[in-house]
Amino acid sequence: MFDACGGCERRGTAGEVFDWCAHCELSLCPGCLQRGCCGSVPADSGRGAPRELPDPPPPEREALPEDFGGRCCTRARAVACSCAFHWVCTRHGDLHVGTHD
């Protein structure tokens, strides 16, 4: 499969891979990449691509009531600890119920 330049429409040779602009997503040969496209300097290889989705924000932990004394939810897993109960939950974090020796 041969790559084709979106600027000058030159067809690449075997094994030649053109870079692409992150703004207009055109595949560009080295000459067209230097000249620019879409009214701006191309962002080569998609670096700084405005169309890339950011990583989702980490989920915030839900606060538990102060007098809570049991397992927070079904996601909580028991862990060996010197307290009476130690629960680890992806949603609520570590929860120690009882006193440590």
PDB file of N, CA and C in Angstrom:
ATOM      1  N   MET A   1       0.852  -1.171   0.000  1.00  0.00           N
ATOM      2  CA  MET A   1       0.000   0.000   0.000  1.00  0.00           C
ATOM      3  C   MET A   1       0.898   1.234   0.000  1.00  0.00           C
ATOM      4  N   PHE A   2       0.592   2.184  -0.838  1.00  0.00           N
ATOM      5  CA  PHE A   2       1.389   3.392  -0.962  1.00  0.00           C
ATOM      6  C   PHE A   2       0.631   4.572  -0.362  1.00  0.00           C
ATOM      7  N   ASP A   3       1.375   5.419   0.346  1.00  0.00           N
ATOM      8  CA  ASP A   3       0.790   6.618   0.935  1.00  0.00           C
ATOM      9  C   ASP A   3       0.751   7.714  -0.124  1.00  0.00           C
ATOM     10  N   ALA A   4      -0.230   8.585  -0.063  1.00  0.00           N
ATOM     11  CA  ALA A   4      -0.336   9.705  -0.998  1.00  0.00           C
ATOM     12  C   ALA A   4      -0.402  11.000  -0.200  1.00  0.00           C
ATOM     13  N   CYS A   5       0.269  12.038  -0.707  1.00  0.00           N
ATOM     14  CA  CYS A   5       0.309  13.334  -0.042  1.00  0.00           C
ATOM     15  C   CYS A   5      -1.018  14.057  -0.270  1.00  0.00           C
ATOM     16  N   GLY A   6      -1.564  14.615   0.785  1.00  0.00           N
ATOM     17  CA  GLY A   6      -2.808  15.368   0.677  1.00  0.00           C
ATOM     18  C   GLY A   6      -2.605  16.776   0.170  1.00  0.00           C
ATOM     19  N   GLY A   7      -1.339  17.241   0.119  1.00  0.00           N
ATOM     20  CA  GLY A   7      -1.058  18.591  -0.366  1.00  0.00           C
ATOM     21  C   GLY A   7      -0.799  18.625  -1.855  1.00  0.00           C
ATOM     22  N   CYS A   8       0.224  17.890  -2.310  1.00  0.00           N
ATOM     23  CA  CYS A   8       0.600  17.894  -3.732  1.00  0.00           C
ATOM     24  C   CYS A   8       0.104  16.647  -4.463  1.00  0.00           C
ATOM     25  N   GLU A   9      -0.520  15.746  -3.760  1.00  0.00           N
ATOM     26  CA  GLU A   9      -1.065  14.501  -4.306  1.00  0.00           C
ATOM     27  C   GLU A   9       0.001  13.582  -4.890  1.00  0.00           C
ATOM     28  N   ARG A  10       1.255  13.753  -4.428  1.00  0.00           N
ATOM     29  CA  ARG A  10       2.331  12.861  -4.865  1.00  0.00           C
ATOM     30  C   ARG A  10       2.146  11.517  -4.190  1.00  0.00           C
ATOM     31  N   ARG A  11       2.339  10.466  -4.956  1.00  0.00           N
ATOM     32  CA  ARG A  11       2.244   9.116  -4.416  1.00  0.00           C
ATOM     33  C   ARG A  11       3.612   8.702  -3.901  1.00  0.00           C
ATOM     34  N   GLY A  12       3.667   8.185  -2.690  1.00  0.00           N
ATOM     35  CA  GLY A  12       4.926   7.781  -2.087  1.00  0.00           C
ATOM     36  C   GLY A  12       5.476   6.512  -2.701  1.00  0.00           C
ATOM     37  N   THR A  13       6.762   6.302  -2.486  1.00  0.00           N
ATOM     38  CA  THR A  13       7.407   5.084  -2.971  1.00  0.00           C
ATOM     39  C   THR A  13       7.167   3.960  -1.967  1.00  0.00           C
ATOM     40  N   ALA A  14       7.576   2.765  -2.329  1.00  0.00           N
ATOM     41  CA  ALA A  14       7.396   1.613  -1.451  1.00  0.00           C
ATOM     42  C   ALA A  14       8.133   1.843  -0.138  1.00  0.00           C
ATOM     43  N   GLY A  15       7.455   1.718   0.951  1.00  0.00           N
ATOM     44  CA  GLY A  15       8.057   1.878   2.267  1.00  0.00           C
ATOM     45  C   GLY A  15       8.117   3.314   2.752  1.00  0.00           C
ATOM     46  N   GLU A  16       7.793   4.281   1.914  1.00  0.00           N
ATOM     47  CA  GLU A  16       7.812   5.690   2.331  1.00  0.00           C
ATOM     48  C   GLU A  16       6.496   6.009   3.047  1.00  0.00           C
ATOM     49  N   VAL A  17       6.624   6.511   4.238  1.00  0.00           N
ATOM     50  CA  VAL A  17       5.442   6.858   5.027  1.00  0.00           C
ATOM     51  C   VAL A  17       5.467   8.356   5.267  1.00  0.00           C
ATOM     52  N   PHE A  18       4.403   9.023   4.891  1.00  0.00           N
ATOM     53  CA  PHE A  18       4.317  10.466   5.085  1.00  0.00           C
ATOM     54  C   PHE A  18       3.836  10.780   6.493  1.00  0.00           C
ATOM     55  N   ASP A  19       4.204  11.972   6.947  1.00  0.00           N
ATOM     56  CA  ASP A  19       3.729  12.453   8.237  1.00  0.00           C
ATOM     57  C   ASP A  19       2.324  13.008   8.044  1.00  0.00           C
ATOM     58  N   TRP A  20       1.667  13.339   9.118  1.00  0.00           N
ATOM     59  CA  TRP A  20       0.315  13.879   8.977  1.00  0.00           C
ATOM     60  C   TRP A  20       0.101  15.056   9.904  1.00  0.00           C
ATOM     61  N   CYS A  21      -0.780  15.953   9.487  1.00  0.00           N
ATOM     62  CA  CYS A  21      -1.094  17.157  10.257  1.00  0.00           C
ATOM     63  C   CYS A  21      -2.199  16.824  11.254  1.00  0.00           C
ATOM     64  N   ALA A  22      -1.991  17.226  12.482  1.00  0.00           N
ATOM     65  CA  ALA A  22      -2.985  16.945  13.510  1.00  0.00           C
ATOM     66  C   ALA A  22      -4.187  17.875  13.410  1.00  0.00           C
ATOM     67  N   HIS A  23      -4.033  19.011  12.716  1.00  0.00           N
ATOM     68  CA  HIS A  23      -5.144  19.959  12.607  1.00  0.00           C
ATOM     69  C   HIS A  23      -6.155  19.515  11.554  1.00  0.00           C
ATOM     70  N   CYS A  24      -5.679  19.212  10.343  1.00  0.00           N
ATOM     71  CA  CYS A  24      -6.599  18.844   9.257  1.00  0.00           C
ATOM     72  C   CYS A  24      -6.548  17.354   8.930  1.00  0.00           C
ATOM     73  N   GLU A  25      -5.627  16.623   9.559  1.00  0.00           N
ATOM     74  CA  GLU A  25      -5.470  15.175   9.401  1.00  0.00           C
ATOM     75  C   GLU A  25      -5.114  14.760   7.977  1.00  0.00           C
ATOM     76  N   LEU A  26      -4.416  15.631   7.246  1.00  0.00           N
ATOM     77  CA  LEU A  26      -3.930  15.274   5.917  1.00  0.00           C
ATOM     78  C   LEU A  26      -2.589  14.583   6.033  1.00  0.00           C
ATOM     79  N   SER A  27      -2.372  13.585   5.221  1.00  0.00           N
ATOM     80  CA  SER A  27      -1.075  12.937   5.114  1.00  0.00           C
ATOM     81  C   SER A  27      -0.227  13.812   4.200  1.00  0.00           C
ATOM     82  N   LEU A  28       0.962  14.233   4.651  1.00  0.00           N
ATOM     83  CA  LEU A  28       1.776  15.198   3.915  1.00  0.00           C
ATOM     84  C   LEU A  28       3.188  14.686   3.687  1.00  0.00           C
ATOM     85  N   CYS A  29       3.717  14.943   2.478  1.00  0.00           N
ATOM     86  CA  CYS A  29       5.110  14.615   2.177  1.00  0.00           C
ATOM     87  C   CYS A  29       5.996  15.639   2.896  1.00  0.00           C
ATOM     88  N   PRO A  30       7.311  15.391   3.004  1.00  0.00           N
ATOM     89  CA  PRO A  30       8.185  16.325   3.716  1.00  0.00           C
ATOM     90  C   PRO A  30       8.135  17.754   3.161  1.00  0.00           C
ATOM     91  N   GLY A  31       8.011  17.911   1.834  1.00  0.00           N
ATOM     92  CA  GLY A  31       7.944  19.251   1.247  1.00  0.00           C
ATOM     93  C   GLY A  31       6.691  20.004   1.664  1.00  0.00           C
ATOM     94  N   CYS A  32       5.562  19.354   1.599  1.00  0.00           N
ATOM     95  CA  CYS A  32       4.300  19.989   1.990  1.00  0.00           C
ATOM     96  C   CYS A  32       4.239  20.214   3.499  1.00  0.00           C
ATOM     97  N   LEU A  33       4.896  19.364   4.253  1.00  0.00           N
ATOM     98  CA  LEU A  33       4.907  19.532   5.703  1.00  0.00           C
ATOM     99  C   LEU A  33       5.640  20.809   6.080  1.00  0.00           C
ATOM    100  N   GLN A  34       6.709  21.159   5.344  1.00  0.00           N
ATOM    101  CA  GLN A  34       7.440  22.400   5.608  1.00  0.00           C
ATOM    102  C   GLN A  34       6.638  23.616   5.162  1.00  0.00           C
ATOM    103  N   ARG A  35       5.924  23.507   4.040  1.00  0.00           N
ATOM    104  CA  ARG A  35       5.133  24.635   3.533  1.00  0.00           C
ATOM    105  C   ARG A  35       3.939  24.934   4.423  1.00  0.00           C
ATOM    106  N   GLY A  36       3.406  23.928   5.049  1.00  0.00           N
ATOM    107  CA  GLY A  36       2.232  24.112   5.897  1.00  0.00           C
ATOM    108  C   GLY A  36       0.954  23.773   5.158  1.00  0.00           C
ATOM    109  N   CYS A  37      -0.106  23.696   5.886  1.00  0.00           N
ATOM    110  CA  CYS A  37      -1.415  23.372   5.321  1.00  0.00           C
ATOM    111  C   CYS A  37      -2.482  23.944   6.242  1.00  0.00           C
ATOM    112  N   CYS A  38      -3.685  23.960   5.799  1.00  0.00           N
ATOM    113  CA  CYS A  38      -4.863  24.372   6.571  1.00  0.00           C
ATOM    114  C   CYS A  38      -4.673  25.702   7.300  1.00  0.00           C
ATOM    115  N   GLY A  39      -3.824  26.574   6.738  1.00  0.00           N
ATOM    116  CA  GLY A  39      -3.641  27.903   7.310  1.00  0.00           C
ATOM    117  C   GLY A  39      -2.806  27.951   8.570  1.00  0.00           C
ATOM    118  N   SER A  40      -2.151  26.870   8.911  1.00  0.00           N
ATOM    119  CA  SER A  40      -1.309  26.872  10.108  1.00  0.00           C
ATOM    120  C   SER A  40      -0.134  25.937   9.908  1.00  0.00           C
ATOM    121  N   VAL A  41       0.821  26.022  10.805  1.00  0.00           N
ATOM    122  CA  VAL A  41       1.972  25.126  10.760  1.00  0.00           C
ATOM    123  C   VAL A  41       1.493  23.742  11.178  1.00  0.00           C
ATOM    124  N   PRO A  42       1.761  22.716  10.385  1.00  0.00           N
ATOM    125  CA  PRO A  42       1.274  21.378  10.738  1.00  0.00           C
ATOM    126  C   PRO A  42       1.881  20.870  12.038  1.00  0.00           C
ATOM    127  N   ALA A  43       1.080  20.195  12.795  1.00  0.00           N
ATOM    128  CA  ALA A  43       1.568  19.506  13.984  1.00  0.00           C
ATOM    129  C   ALA A  43       1.955  18.110  13.526  1.00  0.00           C
ATOM    130  N   ASP A  44       3.266  17.874  13.369  1.00  0.00           N
ATOM    131  CA  ASP A  44       3.707  16.599  12.805  1.00  0.00           C
ATOM    132  C   ASP A  44       3.412  15.434  13.737  1.00  0.00           C
ATOM    133  N   SER A  45       3.078  14.332  13.136  1.00  0.00           N
ATOM    134  CA  SER A  45       2.764  13.075  13.824  1.00  0.00           C
ATOM    135  C   SER A  45       1.649  13.223  14.845  1.00  0.00           C
ATOM    136  N   GLY A  46       0.857  14.241  14.707  1.00  0.00           N
ATOM    137  CA  GLY A  46      -0.267  14.393  15.614  1.00  0.00           C
ATOM    138  C   GLY A  46       0.105  14.900  16.987  1.00  0.00           C
ATOM    139  N   ARG A  47       1.353  15.363  17.183  1.00  0.00           N
ATOM    140  CA  ARG A  47       1.726  15.886  18.495  1.00  0.00           C
ATOM    141  C   ARG A  47       0.917  17.146  18.765  1.00  0.00           C
ATOM    142  N   GLY A  48       0.335  17.230  19.906  1.00  0.00           N
ATOM    143  CA  GLY A  48      -0.501  18.369  20.251  1.00  0.00           C
ATOM    144  C   GLY A  48      -1.816  18.357  19.504  1.00  0.00           C
ATOM    145  N   ALA A  49      -2.267  17.181  19.138  1.00  0.00           N
ATOM    146  CA  ALA A  49      -3.493  17.073  18.352  1.00  0.00           C
ATOM    147  C   ALA A  49      -4.690  17.564  19.160  1.00  0.00           C
ATOM    148  N   PRO A  50      -5.421  18.525  18.617  1.00  0.00           N
ATOM    149  CA  PRO A  50      -6.578  19.030  19.369  1.00  0.00           C
ATOM    150  C   PRO A  50      -7.732  18.043  19.415  1.00  0.00           C
ATOM    151  N   ARG A  51      -7.716  17.047  18.547  1.00  0.00           N
ATOM    152  CA  ARG A  51      -8.829  16.101  18.496  1.00  0.00           C
ATOM    153  C   ARG A  51      -8.626  14.903  19.410  1.00  0.00           C
ATOM    154  N   GLU A  52      -7.474  14.825  20.059  1.00  0.00           N
ATOM    155  CA  GLU A  52      -7.243  13.719  20.980  1.00  0.00           C
ATOM    156  C   GLU A  52      -8.044  13.956  22.247  1.00  0.00           C
ATOM    157  N   LEU A  53      -8.666  12.926  22.746  1.00  0.00           N
ATOM    158  CA  LEU A  53      -9.427  13.050  23.976  1.00  0.00           C
ATOM    159  C   LEU A  53      -8.487  13.001  25.168  1.00  0.00           C
ATOM    160  N   PRO A  54      -8.701  13.851  26.167  1.00  0.00           N
ATOM    161  CA  PRO A  54      -7.863  13.797  27.368  1.00  0.00           C
ATOM    162  C   PRO A  54      -8.208  12.566  28.195  1.00  0.00           C
ATOM    163  N   ASP A  55      -7.308  12.213  29.090  1.00  0.00           N
ATOM    164  CA  ASP A  55      -7.588  11.106  29.997  1.00  0.00           C
ATOM    165  C   ASP A  55      -8.749  11.494  30.902  1.00  0.00           C
ATOM    166  N   PRO A  56      -9.615  10.556  31.224  1.00  0.00           N
ATOM    167  CA  PRO A  56     -10.739  10.899  32.101  1.00  0.00           C
ATOM    168  C   PRO A  56     -10.232  11.242  33.496  1.00  0.00           C
ATOM    169  N   PRO A  57     -10.909  12.149  34.186  1.00  0.00           N
ATOM    170  CA  PRO A  57     -10.465  12.507  35.536  1.00  0.00           C
ATOM    171  C   PRO A  57     -10.649  11.327  36.478  1.00  0.00           C
ATOM    172  N   PRO A  58      -9.786  11.219  37.490  1.00  0.00           N
ATOM    173  CA  PRO A  58      -9.941  10.110  38.438  1.00  0.00           C
ATOM    174  C   PRO A  58     -11.258  10.268  39.203  1.00  0.00           C
ATOM    175  N   PRO A  59     -11.928   9.170  39.466  1.00  0.00           N
ATOM    176  CA  PRO A  59     -13.205   9.274  40.195  1.00  0.00           C
ATOM    177  C   PRO A  59     -12.967   9.752  41.622  1.00  0.00           C
ATOM    178  N   GLU A  60     -13.833  10.635  42.069  1.00  0.00           N
ATOM    179  CA  GLU A  60     -13.708  11.136  43.437  1.00  0.00           C
ATOM    180  C   GLU A  60     -14.292  10.110  44.397  1.00  0.00           C
ATOM    181  N   ARG A  61     -13.668  10.013  45.546  1.00  0.00           N
ATOM    182  CA  ARG A  61     -14.148   9.062  46.547  1.00  0.00           C
ATOM    183  C   ARG A  61     -15.380   9.627  47.238  1.00  0.00           C
ATOM    184  N   GLU A  62     -16.349   8.764  47.455  1.00  0.00           N
ATOM    185  CA  GLU A  62     -17.558   9.177  48.155  1.00  0.00           C
ATOM    186  C   GLU A  62     -17.280   9.166  49.654  1.00  0.00           C
ATOM    187  N   ALA A  63     -17.722  10.209  50.324  1.00  0.00           N
ATOM    188  CA  ALA A  63     -17.519  10.298  51.771  1.00  0.00           C
ATOM    189  C   ALA A  63     -18.498   9.367  52.485  1.00  0.00           C
ATOM    190  N   LEU A  64     -18.008   8.759  53.548  1.00  0.00           N
ATOM    191  CA  LEU A  64     -18.850   7.885  54.371  1.00  0.00           C
ATOM    192  C   LEU A  64     -19.211   8.621  55.653  1.00  0.00           C
ATOM    193  N   PRO A  65     -20.355   8.299  56.245  1.00  0.00           N
ATOM    194  CA  PRO A  65     -20.707   8.942  57.515  1.00  0.00           C
ATOM    195  C   PRO A  65     -19.692   8.592  58.598  1.00  0.00           C
ATOM    196  N   GLU A  66     -19.522   9.522  59.568  1.00  0.00           N
ATOM    197  CA  GLU A  66     -18.518   9.324  60.616  1.00  0.00           C
ATOM    198  C   GLU A  66     -18.808   8.104  61.476  1.00  0.00           C
ATOM    199  N   ASP A  67     -20.084   7.810  61.709  1.00  0.00           N
ATOM    200  CA  ASP A  67     -20.430   6.691  62.582  1.00  0.00           C
ATOM    201  C   ASP A  67     -20.540   5.369  61.826  1.00  0.00           C
ATOM    202  N   PHE A  68     -20.072   5.333  60.598  1.00  0.00           N
ATOM    203  CA  PHE A  68     -20.162   4.128  59.791  1.00  0.00           C
ATOM    204  C   PHE A  68     -19.270   3.048  60.389  1.00  0.00           C
ATOM    205  N   GLY A  69     -19.787   1.813  60.488  1.00  0.00           N
ATOM    206  CA  GLY A  69     -18.989   0.785  61.132  1.00  0.00           C
ATOM    207  C   GLY A  69     -18.925  -0.535  60.398  1.00  0.00           C
ATOM    208  N   GLY A  70     -19.375  -0.615  59.171  1.00  0.00           N
ATOM    209  CA  GLY A  70     -19.375  -1.883  58.465  1.00  0.00           C
ATOM    210  C   GLY A  70     -18.782  -1.773  57.079  1.00  0.00           C
ATOM    211  N   ARG A  71     -19.103  -2.748  56.284  1.00  0.00           N
ATOM    212  CA  ARG A  71     -18.617  -2.786  54.904  1.00  0.00           C
ATOM    213  C   ARG A  71     -19.319  -1.685  54.105  1.00  0.00           C
ATOM    214  N   CYS A  72     -18.572  -0.884  53.376  1.00  0.00           N
ATOM    215  CA  CYS A  72     -19.143   0.273  52.687  1.00  0.00           C
ATOM    216  C   CYS A  72     -20.018  -0.108  51.507  1.00  0.00           C
ATOM    217  N   CYS A  73     -19.588  -1.075  50.707  1.00  0.00           N
ATOM    218  CA  CYS A  73     -20.375  -1.490  49.542  1.00  0.00           C
ATOM    219  C   CYS A  73     -19.885  -2.864  49.074  1.00  0.00           C
ATOM    220  N   THR A  74     -20.484  -3.374  48.026  1.00  0.00           N
ATOM    221  CA  THR A  74     -20.134  -4.710  47.548  1.00  0.00           C
ATOM    222  C   THR A  74     -18.755  -4.763  46.905  1.00  0.00           C
ATOM    223  N   ARG A  75     -18.178  -3.621  46.564  1.00  0.00           N
ATOM    224  CA  ARG A  75     -16.834  -3.593  45.976  1.00  0.00           C
ATOM    225  C   ARG A  75     -15.734  -3.768  47.025  1.00  0.00           C
ATOM    226  N   ALA A  76     -16.058  -3.574  48.288  1.00  0.00           N
ATOM    227  CA  ALA A  76     -15.068  -3.647  49.363  1.00  0.00           C
ATOM    228  C   ALA A  76     -14.599  -5.084  49.562  1.00  0.00           C
ATOM    229  N   ARG A  77     -13.308  -5.243  49.775  1.00  0.00           N
ATOM    230  CA  ARG A  77     -12.707  -6.555  50.011  1.00  0.00           C
ATOM    231  C   ARG A  77     -11.976  -6.534  51.351  1.00  0.00           C
ATOM    232  N   ALA A  78     -12.107  -7.624  52.092  1.00  0.00           N
ATOM    233  CA  ALA A  78     -11.454  -7.731  53.392  1.00  0.00           C
ATOM    234  C   ALA A  78      -9.962  -7.969  53.215  1.00  0.00           C
ATOM    235  N   VAL A  79      -9.174  -7.335  54.091  1.00  0.00           N
ATOM    236  CA  VAL A  79      -7.723  -7.458  54.068  1.00  0.00           C
ATOM    237  C   VAL A  79      -7.265  -7.799  55.481  1.00  0.00           C
ATOM    238  N   ALA A  80      -6.257  -8.653  55.599  1.00  0.00           N
ATOM    239  CA  ALA A  80      -5.730  -9.017  56.916  1.00  0.00           C
ATOM    240  C   ALA A  80      -5.098  -7.794  57.574  1.00  0.00           C
ATOM    241  N   CYS A  81      -5.498  -7.528  58.818  1.00  0.00           N
ATOM    242  CA  CYS A  81      -4.981  -6.370  59.549  1.00  0.00           C
ATOM    243  C   CYS A  81      -5.176  -6.637  61.036  1.00  0.00           C
ATOM    244  N   SER A  82      -4.483  -5.907  61.891  1.00  0.00           N
ATOM    245  CA  SER A  82      -4.625  -6.102  63.328  1.00  0.00           C
ATOM    246  C   SER A  82      -5.875  -5.420  63.884  1.00  0.00           C
ATOM    247  N   CYS A  83      -6.581  -4.629  63.074  1.00  0.00           N
ATOM    248  CA  CYS A  83      -7.842  -4.048  63.535  1.00  0.00           C
ATOM    249  C   CYS A  83      -8.936  -5.111  63.407  1.00  0.00           C
ATOM    250  N   ALA A  84     -10.109  -4.812  63.912  1.00  0.00           N
ATOM    251  CA  ALA A  84     -11.201  -5.782  63.853  1.00  0.00           C
ATOM    252  C   ALA A  84     -11.561  -6.116  62.404  1.00  0.00           C
ATOM    253  N   PHE A  85     -11.745  -5.108  61.588  1.00  0.00           N
ATOM    254  CA  PHE A  85     -12.033  -5.299  60.170  1.00  0.00           C
ATOM    255  C   PHE A  85     -11.299  -4.245  59.363  1.00  0.00           C
ATOM    256  N   HIS A  86     -10.688  -4.664  58.278  1.00  0.00           N
ATOM    257  CA  HIS A  86     -10.020  -3.731  57.365  1.00  0.00           C
ATOM    258  C   HIS A  86     -10.595  -3.989  55.980  1.00  0.00           C
ATOM    259  N   TRP A  87     -11.286  -2.996  55.450  1.00  0.00           N
ATOM    260  CA  TRP A  87     -11.889  -3.103  54.126  1.00  0.00           C
ATOM    261  C   TRP A  87     -11.131  -2.214  53.159  1.00  0.00           C
ATOM    262  N   VAL A  88     -10.901  -2.706  51.954  1.00  0.00           N
ATOM    263  CA  VAL A  88     -10.281  -1.918  50.888  1.00  0.00           C
ATOM    264  C   VAL A  88     -11.294  -1.826  49.756  1.00  0.00           C
ATOM    265  N   CYS A  89     -11.593  -0.586  49.356  1.00  0.00           N
ATOM    266  CA  CYS A  89     -12.609  -0.355  48.339  1.00  0.00           C
ATOM    267  C   CYS A  89     -12.077   0.635  47.307  1.00  0.00           C
ATOM    268  N   THR A  90     -12.333   0.370  46.027  1.00  0.00           N
ATOM    269  CA  THR A  90     -11.883   1.289  44.972  1.00  0.00           C
ATOM    270  C   THR A  90     -12.670   2.587  45.009  1.00  0.00           C
ATOM    271  N   ARG A  91     -13.861   2.556  45.525  1.00  0.00           N
ATOM    272  CA  ARG A  91     -14.701   3.754  45.572  1.00  0.00           C
ATOM    273  C   ARG A  91     -14.490   4.567  46.851  1.00  0.00           C
ATOM    274  N   HIS A  92     -14.301   3.900  48.001  1.00  0.00           N
ATOM    275  CA  HIS A  92     -14.229   4.594  49.282  1.00  0.00           C
ATOM    276  C   HIS A  92     -12.848   4.566  49.934  1.00  0.00           C
ATOM    277  N   GLY A  93     -11.912   3.808  49.402  1.00  0.00           N
ATOM    278  CA  GLY A  93     -10.572   3.752  49.980  1.00  0.00           C
ATOM    279  C   GLY A  93     -10.468   2.725  51.099  1.00  0.00           C
ATOM    280  N   ASP A  94      -9.440   2.874  51.948  1.00  0.00           N
ATOM    281  CA  ASP A  94      -9.229   1.965  53.079  1.00  0.00           C
ATOM    282  C   ASP A  94     -10.142   2.356  54.237  1.00  0.00           C
ATOM    283  N   LEU A  95     -10.709   1.352  54.877  1.00  0.00           N
ATOM    284  CA  LEU A  95     -11.576   1.591  56.026  1.00  0.00           C
ATOM    285  C   LEU A  95     -11.193   0.611  57.122  1.00  0.00           C
ATOM    286  N   HIS A  96     -10.716   1.145  58.245  1.00  0.00           N
ATOM    287  CA  HIS A  96     -10.353   0.329  59.404  1.00  0.00           C
ATOM    288  C   HIS A  96     -11.481   0.438  60.427  1.00  0.00           C
ATOM    289  N   VAL A  97     -12.043  -0.689  60.810  1.00  0.00           N
ATOM    290  CA  VAL A  97     -13.095  -0.719  61.822  1.00  0.00           C
ATOM    291  C   VAL A  97     -12.527  -1.446  63.027  1.00  0.00           C
ATOM    292  N   GLY A  98     -12.512  -0.795  64.174  1.00  0.00           N
ATOM    293  CA  GLY A  98     -11.935  -1.381  65.376  1.00  0.00           C
ATOM    294  C   GLY A  98     -10.599  -0.730  65.686  1.00  0.00           C
ATOM    295  N   THR A  99      -9.912  -1.266  66.685  1.00  0.00           N
ATOM    296  CA  THR A  99      -8.638  -0.677  67.100  1.00  0.00           C
ATOM    297  C   THR A  99      -7.491  -1.578  66.687  1.00  0.00           C
ATOM    298  N   HIS A 100      -6.351  -0.965  66.487  1.00  0.00           N
ATOM    299  CA  HIS A 100      -5.145  -1.727  66.170  1.00  0.00           C
ATOM    300  C   HIS A 100      -4.453  -2.118  67.465  1.00  0.00           C
ATOM    301  N   ASP A 101      -3.865  -3.305  67.502  1.00  0.00           N
ATOM    302  CA  ASP A 101      -3.142  -3.773  68.702  1.00  0.00           C
ATOM    303  C   ASP A 101      -1.788  -3.114  68.794  1.00  0.00           C
TER     304      ASP A 101
END
